[in-house]
């Protein structure tokens, strides 16, 4: 374990430096000079100061890198063209978000009139007329600036943190091709997984299943989306660590059934995790889980002990290294808060539940749900002004079946490759589980006081913080007493 402590320090210092870039920019040449100065000073100190000096050097270099990344994300060649209309060639990079009057879709502009450009943009499209993800389109559009703060939401700031500075109001578009490369592979994997995870299903059951497998809520009705939010089950519609764990164990199990060495299984797990990330897209929660799964397999292949704290910091390093703005992403905040709660609070919560008549099979899901609900409540209040109050109840109802639903969905997609008839039978059975999850969401959401908003949400968030602190203090004082 002692060998892993310096790695934690180095990775933790890098994460801190990347996060610090959001507060103040440090020019990369200045960062290199400062790191060199720290190194020269460290040479004159005792060996005991080497770890501190190493951490400081890494922090400064990461600060410089984060500042360079933010500068790159803040640059825009299309911003001076706001108000102009013209013909664009763009690659559609994501699924559309459907609003009341239009659809918004991320894309990367490649050409504007006779100019070659390479910039992320958002397409503003009429309802029902969005191109498929991965399409290369030629579009007649007007360049517009994103909206400023309205009704508590600042679209301009939200898009800027994604490297998007202009919105293209599309009047007409037509497809001229499909993107290739690694992005094209991801597009094809997504289409295959969407088609094959629920063959024969339609309507709400298919939408719930696609939402849990792909992290895509586009097929859900507004009412059902609201029920998932009010009940505290909306996290099921974001790809989580459970998805990646099932992917990895599925690859390991298949290799074991084929009688191949375990090392082959871990290599297959790495490939399966990579393919799944390509299919569902680079969401914060899935990148965190993917890094954890990859680190576990690499640690086994290298015969090294796995350190979960080091792995968590490594996931933060990957996400913030690509974009330090990710620190402000609600998905990043909720995902890491939930994992920290699992690390710190689930063990004590299970020990507390040992003194009550709680079935062992239910104790672990209850402890996880309670810890995550307490940890994420303040973030939900600050970011959305809403806090679900019955999330523990809702998660206790669906926890026994969510893993089955997800596993069956992934298994169905694989079976569909060789036996479409059997895949349809599996999908039909899985549809009943999806219907049960939707029914639980509606049932809990319909209960009085299922969700707090406004001042009540603030009190719930602060109460969750106070309850968590008190429970931690009680556990520390109760279980640290000598017997």
Foldseek 3Di string as FASTA:
>chain_A
DVVCVLLLLLLVLLLLLLLCLVVPADAQVNLVVVLVVLVVVVVVDDPVCVSVNSSVNSSSNSNNLNNVLLVQLQDDPCVVQAFDKFKWKWAFADDWDDDDFWIKGKIFTQDTHPDGDTAIEIETGGPPDDDAHQFTKIFTWGKHFDAQDDPNDGRQVVVSLVSYGIYTHTPDMDTDGGDDDLLRLLSVLQVLLLCQLFPPDDAQLSLLLCQQQQLDNRRPDPVLCLLCVLQVNNCSSHHALLLLVLQLVVLQVVCVVVVHDSLVSLVSSLVSLVSSCSNNDDFLRSLLSSLLSNQVSVCVVVVHDDDVSSSNSVSSSVVSSNGVSCVVPLRNQLNSLLVVLCVPFLVLQLVVCVVDPDPPVQSNQLSSQLSSLLSCLLVCCVPPQKHFPNNSVLSSQLVVCSSVLNSLSVVSSVVCVPPVVVSNVSSVVSSVSSVSNSVSSNVLSPDPRRMDGDPRSVVVNVVSVVVVVVSSVVSCVPVVDDD
